Amino acid sequence: NLSLNIDLSKIKITKIFKWIKTKNISDQEMMSTFNCGVGFCLITSKKNVMKIKKFFSKKFMPYEIGFISKNKNKNKVNLSNSIKW
């Protein structure tokens, strides 16, 4: 009974994905094929964020792109906003 809520505008797009996007590829294809550079996701309590960040270098510092909520509308994944190319 939970949903994943992702704010697409929070994804930090690197140069290579911005370049690929210039080749007339849809946002949907960029997300499904290239994952827009999001390597992997950790789902954790907010109280653990600082502890987790201690294990990463500045170049690979994790950042928040969404949250888990009670499933209000039966969607398992909710996307909001758009990617900032």
N, C-alpha and C. Protein backbone atom coordinates (compact mmCIF):
# COMPACT_ATOMS: atom_id res chain seq x y z
N ASN A 1 0.81 -1.20 0.00
CA ASN A 1 0.00 0.00 0.00
C ASN A 1 0.85 1.26 0.00
N LEU A 2 2.01 1.21 -0.63
CA LEU A 2 2.90 2.36 -0.69
C LEU A 2 3.14 2.78 -2.14
N SER A 3 3.53 4.04 -2.31
CA SER A 3 3.86 4.58 -3.64
C SER A 3 5.22 5.25 -3.59
N LEU A 4 5.91 5.19 -4.71
CA LEU A 4 7.17 5.90 -4.89
C LEU A 4 6.85 7.20 -5.61
N ASN A 5 7.31 8.32 -5.07
CA ASN A 5 7.05 9.64 -5.64
C ASN A 5 8.39 10.25 -6.04
N ILE A 6 8.61 10.43 -7.33
CA ILE A 6 9.88 10.96 -7.84
C ILE A 6 9.65 12.33 -8.45
N ASP A 7 10.47 13.29 -8.01
CA ASP A 7 10.46 14.64 -8.58
C ASP A 7 11.55 14.68 -9.64
N LEU A 8 11.17 14.61 -10.90
CA LEU A 8 12.14 14.54 -12.00
C LEU A 8 13.04 15.77 -12.05
N SER A 9 12.57 16.91 -11.56
CA SER A 9 13.39 18.13 -11.61
C SER A 9 14.57 18.07 -10.63
N LYS A 10 14.57 17.11 -9.72
CA LYS A 10 15.67 16.98 -8.76
C LYS A 10 16.82 16.11 -9.27
N ILE A 11 16.62 15.43 -10.38
CA ILE A 11 17.68 14.57 -10.93
C ILE A 11 18.77 15.45 -11.53
N LYS A 12 19.99 15.22 -11.10
CA LYS A 12 21.14 16.00 -11.59
C LYS A 12 21.65 15.35 -12.87
N ILE A 13 21.40 16.02 -13.98
CA ILE A 13 21.76 15.49 -15.29
C ILE A 13 23.19 15.89 -15.64
N THR A 14 24.02 14.91 -15.97
CA THR A 14 25.41 15.18 -16.35
C THR A 14 25.50 15.51 -17.85
N LYS A 15 26.65 16.02 -18.24
CA LYS A 15 26.86 16.49 -19.62
C LYS A 15 26.59 15.40 -20.66
N ILE A 16 27.01 14.19 -20.41
CA ILE A 16 26.84 13.14 -21.41
C ILE A 16 25.36 12.89 -21.71
N PHE A 17 24.51 12.94 -20.69
CA PHE A 17 23.08 12.72 -20.91
C PHE A 17 22.42 13.92 -21.56
N LYS A 18 22.93 15.10 -21.28
CA LYS A 18 22.42 16.30 -21.98
C LYS A 18 22.76 16.20 -23.46
N TRP A 19 23.96 15.70 -23.76
CA TRP A 19 24.38 15.54 -25.16
C TRP A 19 23.51 14.48 -25.85
N ILE A 20 23.31 13.34 -25.20
CA ILE A 20 22.48 12.29 -25.78
C ILE A 20 21.08 12.82 -26.07
N LYS A 21 20.55 13.62 -25.17
CA LYS A 21 19.21 14.18 -25.33
C LYS A 21 19.12 15.06 -26.58
N THR A 22 20.22 15.69 -27.00
CA THR A 22 20.20 16.54 -28.20
C THR A 22 20.01 15.72 -29.48
N LYS A 23 20.09 14.41 -29.39
CA LYS A 23 19.95 13.53 -30.56
C LYS A 23 18.49 13.13 -30.78
N ASN A 24 17.57 13.99 -30.34
CA ASN A 24 16.14 13.82 -30.57
C ASN A 24 15.58 12.56 -29.91
N ILE A 25 15.95 12.33 -28.66
CA ILE A 25 15.45 11.19 -27.89
C ILE A 25 14.43 11.72 -26.88
N SER A 26 13.31 11.05 -26.77
CA SER A 26 12.25 11.50 -25.86
C SER A 26 12.68 11.36 -24.40
N ASP A 27 12.02 12.13 -23.55
CA ASP A 27 12.29 12.04 -22.12
C ASP A 27 12.02 10.62 -21.62
N GLN A 28 10.93 10.03 -22.09
CA GLN A 28 10.58 8.67 -21.67
C GLN A 28 11.69 7.68 -22.03
N GLU A 29 12.22 7.79 -23.23
CA GLU A 29 13.31 6.90 -23.66
C GLU A 29 14.58 7.16 -22.84
N MET A 30 14.85 8.42 -22.55
CA MET A 30 16.02 8.77 -21.73
C MET A 30 15.90 8.13 -20.34
N MET A 31 14.71 8.16 -19.79
CA MET A 31 14.51 7.58 -18.46
C MET A 31 14.58 6.06 -18.48
N SER A 32 13.95 5.44 -19.46
CA SER A 32 13.91 3.97 -19.46
C SER A 32 15.21 3.34 -19.93
N THR A 33 15.88 3.94 -20.91
CA THR A 33 17.11 3.35 -21.43
C THR A 33 18.34 3.77 -20.64
N PHE A 34 18.46 5.06 -20.36
CA PHE A 34 19.69 5.56 -19.73
C PHE A 34 19.53 5.86 -18.25
N ASN A 35 18.30 5.83 -17.74
CA ASN A 35 18.05 6.12 -16.33
C ASN A 35 18.54 7.52 -15.95
N CYS A 36 18.80 8.34 -16.95
CA CYS A 36 19.25 9.73 -16.77
C CYS A 36 20.43 9.86 -15.83
N GLY A 37 21.22 8.82 -15.75
CA GLY A 37 22.42 8.87 -14.93
C GLY A 37 22.22 8.53 -13.48
N VAL A 38 20.99 8.21 -13.09
CA VAL A 38 20.75 7.79 -11.71
C VAL A 38 21.29 6.38 -11.58
N GLY A 39 22.42 6.25 -10.89
CA GLY A 39 23.08 4.96 -10.80
C GLY A 39 22.30 3.93 -10.01
N PHE A 40 21.93 4.29 -8.82
CA PHE A 40 21.11 3.42 -7.99
C PHE A 40 20.42 4.27 -6.94
N CYS A 41 19.41 3.72 -6.32
CA CYS A 41 18.66 4.47 -5.31
C CYS A 41 18.71 3.75 -3.98
N LEU A 42 18.82 4.53 -2.95
CA LEU A 42 18.71 4.02 -1.59
C LEU A 42 17.42 4.57 -1.00
N ILE A 43 16.69 3.74 -0.34
CA ILE A 43 15.48 4.19 0.35
C ILE A 43 15.77 4.04 1.83
N THR A 44 15.73 5.17 2.53
CA THR A 44 16.10 5.17 3.94
C THR A 44 15.30 6.20 4.71
N SER A 45 15.33 6.07 5.98
CA SER A 45 14.73 7.07 6.85
C SER A 45 15.56 8.35 6.79
N LYS A 46 14.90 9.50 6.89
CA LYS A 46 15.63 10.78 6.84
C LYS A 46 16.69 10.86 7.92
N LYS A 47 16.50 10.20 9.04
CA LYS A 47 17.47 10.26 10.13
C LYS A 47 18.80 9.58 9.77
N ASN A 48 18.82 8.75 8.73
CA ASN A 48 20.04 8.04 8.33
C ASN A 48 20.80 8.71 7.19
N VAL A 49 20.25 9.78 6.62
CA VAL A 49 20.85 10.39 5.43
C VAL A 49 22.29 10.84 5.68
N MET A 50 22.55 11.55 6.75
CA MET A 50 23.91 12.05 7.02
C MET A 50 24.89 10.89 7.26
N LYS A 51 24.46 9.85 7.92
CA LYS A 51 25.31 8.68 8.15
C LYS A 51 25.71 8.05 6.82
N ILE A 52 24.76 7.95 5.91
CA ILE A 52 25.02 7.34 4.61
C ILE A 52 25.95 8.20 3.78
N LYS A 53 25.75 9.50 3.79
CA LYS A 53 26.57 10.41 2.98
C LYS A 53 28.05 10.35 3.35
N LYS A 54 28.37 9.96 4.56
CA LYS A 54 29.77 9.87 5.01
C LYS A 54 30.56 8.83 4.20
N PHE A 55 29.88 7.90 3.56
CA PHE A 55 30.54 6.84 2.82
C PHE A 55 30.83 7.19 1.36
N PHE A 56 30.42 8.38 0.92
CA PHE A 56 30.55 8.75 -0.49
C PHE A 56 31.47 9.94 -0.66
N SER A 57 32.21 9.96 -1.77
CA SER A 57 33.04 11.11 -2.11
C SER A 57 32.13 12.22 -2.66
N LYS A 58 32.67 13.42 -2.75
CA LYS A 58 31.89 14.55 -3.24
C LYS A 58 31.35 14.28 -4.65
N LYS A 59 32.16 13.63 -5.48
CA LYS A 59 31.76 13.35 -6.86
C LYS A 59 30.52 12.44 -6.94
N PHE A 60 30.37 11.56 -5.97
CA PHE A 60 29.28 10.59 -6.00
C PHE A 60 28.31 10.78 -4.83
N MET A 61 28.20 11.99 -4.33
CA MET A 61 27.35 12.27 -3.18
C MET A 61 25.88 12.02 -3.50
N PRO A 62 25.21 11.21 -2.70
CA PRO A 62 23.79 10.96 -2.94
C PRO A 62 22.94 12.21 -2.68
N TYR A 63 21.81 12.26 -3.32
CA TYR A 63 20.88 13.38 -3.13
C TYR A 63 19.45 12.85 -3.27
N GLU A 64 18.51 13.56 -2.69
CA GLU A 64 17.13 13.12 -2.66
C GLU A 64 16.40 13.46 -3.97
N ILE A 65 15.70 12.46 -4.50
CA ILE A 65 14.88 12.70 -5.70
C ILE A 65 13.42 12.34 -5.46
N GLY A 66 13.11 11.83 -4.28
CA GLY A 66 11.72 11.46 -4.03
C GLY A 66 11.49 10.94 -2.63
N PHE A 67 10.32 10.35 -2.46
CA PHE A 67 9.93 9.83 -1.16
C PHE A 67 8.88 8.74 -1.33
N ILE A 68 8.69 7.98 -0.28
CA ILE A 68 7.68 6.92 -0.24
C ILE A 68 6.48 7.47 0.54
N SER A 69 5.28 7.18 0.06
CA SER A 69 4.08 7.63 0.76
C SER A 69 3.03 6.52 0.75
N LYS A 70 2.01 6.71 1.56
CA LYS A 70 0.86 5.79 1.52
C LYS A 70 0.23 5.92 0.14
N ASN A 71 -0.21 4.81 -0.40
CA ASN A 71 -0.78 4.76 -1.74
C ASN A 71 -2.19 5.34 -1.72
N LYS A 72 -2.32 6.58 -2.23
CA LYS A 72 -3.62 7.26 -2.22
C LYS A 72 -4.44 6.96 -3.47
N ASN A 73 -3.78 6.84 -4.62
CA ASN A 73 -4.51 6.71 -5.89
C ASN A 73 -4.19 5.42 -6.64
N LYS A 74 -3.65 4.46 -5.96
CA LYS A 74 -3.35 3.13 -6.52
C LYS A 74 -2.19 3.12 -7.51
N ASN A 75 -1.54 4.27 -7.74
CA ASN A 75 -0.34 4.29 -8.58
C ASN A 75 0.84 3.85 -7.72
N LYS A 76 1.64 2.98 -8.25
CA LYS A 76 2.83 2.54 -7.52
C LYS A 76 3.98 3.53 -7.69
N VAL A 77 4.04 4.20 -8.84
CA VAL A 77 5.08 5.19 -9.11
C VAL A 77 4.42 6.47 -9.59
N ASN A 78 4.74 7.57 -8.94
CA ASN A 78 4.22 8.88 -9.32
C ASN A 78 5.38 9.78 -9.70
N LEU A 79 5.37 10.31 -10.92
CA LEU A 79 6.40 11.22 -11.39
C LEU A 79 5.84 12.64 -11.39
N SER A 80 6.63 13.59 -10.86
CA SER A 80 6.19 14.98 -10.88
C SER A 80 7.26 15.84 -11.53
N ASN A 81 6.84 17.00 -12.01
CA ASN A 81 7.72 17.96 -12.68
C ASN A 81 8.38 17.35 -13.90
N SER A 82 9.40 17.98 -14.42
CA SER A 82 10.08 17.44 -15.59
C SER A 82 11.58 17.58 -15.42
N ILE A 83 12.30 16.81 -16.21
CA ILE A 83 13.75 16.83 -16.15
C ILE A 83 14.26 18.16 -16.68
N LYS A 84 15.25 18.72 -16.01
CA LYS A 84 15.85 19.98 -16.44
C LYS A 84 17.07 19.68 -17.31
N TRP A 85 16.85 19.74 -18.60
CA TRP A 85 17.95 19.45 -19.53
C TRP A 85 18.81 20.66 -19.68
